[in-house]
Amino acid sequence: MIIDILTLFPQMFDNFLNESIVKRAQDKNLVKINIHNIRDYSIYNNKQVDDTPYGGGGGMVLMCDPIFKAIDDLKTDDTIVIMMSPQGKKYNQKIAYDLSKNKHIIIICGHYEGFDERILSIVDLELSIGDYVLTGGELPSMIVTDSIVRLIDGVISKESHLNDSFNDNLLDYPTYTKPRVYRNMEVPEVLLSGNHAEIEKYRKEQRIKNTKEKRPDLLEE
């Protein structure tokens, strides 16, 4: 998979790309993540990529031309183009799974007051990570990228994400490790029994219980 990210602040991605699972996935050549500075596609000497909005109002708006040129330069027949925006469809685990099957993804990080509405004409999917506003799309793009990369075959074991929270609209089951007793809190006896059938039953029950207590809205869905 190839993920191209269009941003005004490429240095924000330095640590993100060079740590943990995202780095290991790149080292294994399971994914290639490229960061592109939108200003590189500006026609102006000062690398301007934004301007004041027609009709007045505060803030600056990303212009069409640099975004269109970037997409023209990077897009292939296998590309899906994503715009990170607070007005987009709310991101979830199902979308992450669907996106992890793509060969090439371009993510546009919105910024400032917004972006010229005409940019949406070349966008396949407008995504939001929640009902709040950030200063830009860089952090959301990292979240989306991380959630996709970990689902690519070979990045982590399938067992590690099959029981992830939000699979089947259920949260994950509680987990424990050594020591067996800590400050009078004990590991549930069933997990020490070696009876895999009973352990699996317990974990399924705990997923339902956990979801009822913490996110009952998921069960309603």
Protein backbone atom coordinates (compact mmCIF):
# COMPACT_ATOMS: atom_id res chain seq x y z
CA MET A 1 0.00 0.00 0.00
CA ILE A 2 1.02 3.58 -0.66
CA ILE A 3 -0.29 6.47 1.45
CA ASP A 4 0.40 10.01 0.25
CA ILE A 5 -0.38 12.81 2.71
CA LEU A 6 -0.76 16.42 1.55
CA THR A 7 0.02 18.93 4.30
CA LEU A 8 1.23 22.44 5.00
CA PHE A 9 3.31 21.18 7.94
CA PRO A 10 5.35 18.16 6.83
CA GLN A 11 7.67 18.24 9.85
CA MET A 12 4.75 17.33 12.10
CA PHE A 13 5.03 13.78 10.70
CA ASP A 14 8.72 13.19 11.49
CA ASN A 15 8.25 11.31 14.77
CA PHE A 16 5.01 9.67 13.69
CA LEU A 17 6.68 7.96 10.74
CA ASN A 18 9.72 6.83 12.69
CA GLU A 19 8.23 5.13 15.71
CA SER A 20 6.40 1.93 16.65
CA ILE A 21 4.24 -0.12 14.28
CA VAL A 22 4.12 2.51 11.53
CA LYS A 23 7.92 2.43 11.25
CA ARG A 24 8.07 -1.37 11.33
CA ALA A 25 5.46 -1.62 8.59
CA GLN A 26 7.53 0.66 6.39
CA ASP A 27 10.74 -1.24 7.19
CA LYS A 28 9.01 -4.44 6.07
CA ASN A 29 7.92 -2.70 2.83
CA LEU A 30 4.28 -3.43 3.66
CA VAL A 31 3.40 0.25 3.30
CA LYS A 32 5.05 3.33 1.85
CA ILE A 33 4.04 6.64 3.40
CA ASN A 34 4.98 9.84 1.58
CA ILE A 35 4.55 13.34 2.99
CA HIS A 36 4.03 16.13 0.44
CA ASN A 37 4.19 19.85 1.16
CA ILE A 38 1.20 21.52 -0.49
CA ARG A 39 3.33 24.65 -0.94
CA ASP A 40 5.48 22.77 -3.45
CA TYR A 41 2.52 22.97 -5.84
CA SER A 42 2.04 26.74 -5.50
CA ILE A 43 2.52 28.93 -8.59
CA TYR A 44 3.57 31.91 -6.47
CA ASN A 45 7.12 32.88 -5.54
CA ASN A 46 6.13 33.15 -1.88
CA LYS A 47 4.55 29.65 -2.00
CA GLN A 48 1.11 31.02 -1.13
CA VAL A 49 -1.61 28.34 -1.05
CA ASP A 50 -4.45 30.21 0.68
CA ASP A 51 -6.45 33.41 0.29
CA THR A 52 -9.31 35.35 1.84
CA PRO A 53 -12.83 33.98 1.31
CA TYR A 54 -15.22 35.44 -1.24
CA GLY A 55 -18.14 37.11 0.54
CA GLY A 56 -15.99 38.14 3.48
CA GLY A 57 -15.41 36.48 6.82
CA GLY A 58 -12.44 35.63 8.99
CA GLY A 59 -9.61 33.25 8.29
CA MET A 60 -7.89 32.00 5.17
CA VAL A 61 -9.09 29.35 2.72
CA LEU A 62 -6.98 26.74 0.92
CA MET A 63 -7.03 27.44 -2.82
CA CYS A 64 -8.01 24.95 -5.51
CA ASP A 65 -4.96 25.10 -7.73
CA PRO A 66 -2.23 23.59 -5.50
CA ILE A 67 -4.54 20.79 -4.32
CA PHE A 68 -5.73 19.93 -7.85
CA LYS A 69 -2.14 19.92 -9.13
CA ALA A 70 -1.00 17.67 -6.29
CA ILE A 71 -3.79 15.18 -6.95
CA ASP A 72 -3.07 15.27 -10.71
CA ASP A 73 0.57 14.50 -9.93
CA LEU A 74 -0.04 11.64 -7.49
CA LYS A 75 -3.32 9.97 -8.48
CA THR A 76 -3.46 6.63 -10.28
CA ASP A 77 -6.31 4.35 -11.35
CA ASP A 78 -6.19 2.66 -7.92
CA THR A 79 -6.31 5.83 -5.82
CA ILE A 80 -8.91 6.84 -3.25
CA VAL A 81 -8.70 10.52 -2.22
CA ILE A 82 -9.63 11.46 1.35
CA MET A 83 -10.16 14.95 2.76
CA MET A 84 -9.86 15.34 6.54
CA SER A 85 -12.60 17.75 7.61
CA PRO A 86 -14.82 18.28 10.69
CA GLN A 87 -17.79 18.16 8.30
CA GLY A 88 -16.93 14.69 7.03
CA LYS A 89 -18.34 11.26 7.75
CA LYS A 90 -17.40 10.14 11.25
CA TYR A 91 -14.49 7.71 11.15
CA ASN A 92 -14.87 4.25 12.63
CA GLN A 93 -13.28 0.80 12.61
CA LYS A 94 -15.35 -0.47 9.68
CA ILE A 95 -14.10 2.39 7.50
CA ALA A 96 -10.55 1.59 8.65
CA TYR A 97 -10.96 -2.03 7.52
CA ASP A 98 -12.36 -0.97 4.16
CA LEU A 99 -9.55 1.51 3.57
CA SER A 100 -6.87 -1.05 4.52
CA LYS A 101 -7.79 -3.04 1.38
CA ASN A 102 -6.86 -0.18 -0.97
CA LYS A 103 -3.62 -0.01 -2.93
CA HIS A 104 -3.20 3.76 -2.86
CA ILE A 105 -4.66 6.44 -0.58
CA ILE A 106 -4.17 10.18 -0.75
CA ILE A 107 -5.07 12.13 2.40
CA ILE A 108 -5.54 15.90 2.20
CA CYS A 109 -5.03 17.77 5.46
CA GLY A 110 -7.37 20.74 5.59
CA HIS A 111 -6.26 23.85 7.45
CA TYR A 112 -7.04 27.45 8.33
CA GLU A 113 -10.70 28.45 7.90
CA GLY A 114 -11.28 25.60 5.48
CA PHE A 115 -10.80 24.79 1.82
CA ASP A 116 -12.32 25.92 -1.44
CA GLU A 117 -15.52 23.91 -1.86
CA ARG A 118 -14.53 22.94 -5.40
CA ILE A 119 -11.80 20.71 -4.01
CA LEU A 120 -14.51 18.25 -2.97
CA SER A 121 -15.10 17.52 -6.66
CA ILE A 122 -11.87 15.45 -6.66
CA VAL A 123 -12.39 13.89 -3.21
CA ASP A 124 -13.81 10.37 -2.84
CA LEU A 125 -14.35 10.46 0.92
CA GLU A 126 -14.59 13.33 3.41
CA LEU A 127 -13.72 12.11 6.92
CA SER A 128 -13.96 13.48 10.46
CA ILE A 129 -12.49 11.87 13.59
CA GLY A 130 -15.12 13.47 15.83
CA ASP A 131 -17.49 16.33 16.47
CA TYR A 132 -14.90 18.94 17.34
CA VAL A 133 -12.59 21.27 15.45
CA LEU A 134 -8.79 21.13 15.35
CA THR A 135 -6.35 23.63 13.87
CA GLY A 136 -5.65 21.33 10.97
CA GLY A 137 -6.00 17.87 9.47
CA GLU A 138 -2.51 16.67 10.35
CA LEU A 139 -3.36 14.91 13.62
CA PRO A 140 -6.53 13.34 12.16
CA SER A 141 -4.53 12.11 9.15
CA MET A 142 -2.07 10.42 11.51
CA ILE A 143 -4.92 8.73 13.34
CA VAL A 144 -6.43 7.44 10.11
CA THR A 145 -3.04 6.30 8.80
CA ASP A 146 -2.16 4.47 12.03
CA SER A 147 -5.52 2.71 12.17
CA ILE A 148 -5.18 1.58 8.54
CA VAL A 149 -1.55 0.48 8.68
CA ARG A 150 -2.05 -1.87 11.64
CA LEU A 151 -4.74 -3.72 9.65
CA ILE A 152 -2.53 -4.42 6.62
CA ASP A 153 -1.70 -8.12 6.32
CA GLY A 154 1.63 -8.89 7.94
CA VAL A 155 1.92 -5.73 10.05
CA ILE A 156 0.57 -7.32 13.23
CA SER A 157 -0.97 -10.74 13.84
CA LYS A 158 -4.60 -11.08 12.82
CA GLU A 159 -5.43 -12.30 16.32
CA SER A 160 -4.28 -8.93 17.66
CA HIS A 161 -6.96 -7.01 15.81
CA LEU A 162 -9.78 -9.54 15.36
CA ASN A 163 -10.94 -8.84 18.92
CA ASP A 164 -10.23 -5.12 18.82
CA SER A 165 -12.72 -2.74 20.30
CA PHE A 166 -15.52 -1.88 17.84
CA ASN A 167 -15.31 -5.15 15.93
CA ASP A 168 -18.92 -6.39 15.74
CA ASN A 169 -19.91 -3.19 17.58
CA LEU A 170 -18.42 -4.55 20.80
CA LEU A 171 -15.58 -3.27 22.95
CA ASP A 172 -12.58 -5.42 23.76
CA TYR A 173 -12.45 -7.79 26.73
CA PRO A 174 -10.31 -6.92 29.81
CA THR A 175 -6.78 -8.28 29.86
CA TYR A 176 -4.30 -8.99 32.66
CA THR A 177 -0.63 -9.87 33.10
CA LYS A 178 1.78 -10.64 35.95
CA PRO A 179 1.63 -10.45 38.92
CA ARG A 180 -1.36 -12.65 39.64
CA VAL A 181 -2.32 -10.49 42.64
CA TYR A 182 -1.58 -6.77 42.87
CA ARG A 183 -2.76 -4.61 45.79
CA ASN A 184 -5.40 -7.22 46.63
CA MET A 185 -6.71 -7.23 43.05
CA GLU A 186 -6.65 -10.74 41.56
CA VAL A 187 -6.62 -11.98 37.99
CA PRO A 188 -9.94 -13.79 37.25
CA GLU A 189 -9.52 -17.48 37.98
CA VAL A 190 -10.85 -18.58 34.60
CA LEU A 191 -7.86 -17.00 32.84
CA LEU A 192 -5.53 -19.20 34.88
CA SER A 193 -7.49 -22.41 34.27
CA GLY A 194 -5.97 -23.41 30.93
CA ASN A 195 -9.49 -24.24 29.72
CA HIS A 196 -9.55 -22.44 26.37
CA ALA A 197 -13.25 -22.98 25.77
CA GLU A 198 -14.13 -21.42 29.11
CA ILE A 199 -11.68 -18.58 28.53
CA GLU A 200 -13.25 -17.83 25.14
CA LYS A 201 -16.73 -17.90 26.69
CA TYR A 202 -15.60 -15.56 29.47
CA ARG A 203 -14.08 -13.11 27.01
CA LYS A 204 -17.22 -13.00 24.88
CA GLU A 205 -19.33 -12.32 27.98
CA GLN A 206 -16.91 -9.59 29.08
CA ARG A 207 -17.04 -7.90 25.69
CA ILE A 208 -20.82 -7.61 25.95
CA LYS A 209 -20.67 -6.49 29.58
CA ASN A 210 -17.95 -3.94 28.83
CA THR A 211 -19.96 -2.50 25.95
CA LYS A 212 -23.17 -2.29 28.01
CA GLU A 213 -21.38 -0.38 30.75
CA LYS A 214 -19.17 1.94 28.68
CA ARG A 215 -20.77 2.32 25.24
CA PRO A 216 -24.41 1.15 25.26
CA ASP A 217 -24.97 3.19 22.10
CA LEU A 218 -22.95 0.61 20.17
CA LEU A 219 -25.41 -2.13 21.10
CA GLU A 220 -28.30 0.04 19.92
CA GLU A 221 -26.59 0.34 16.53
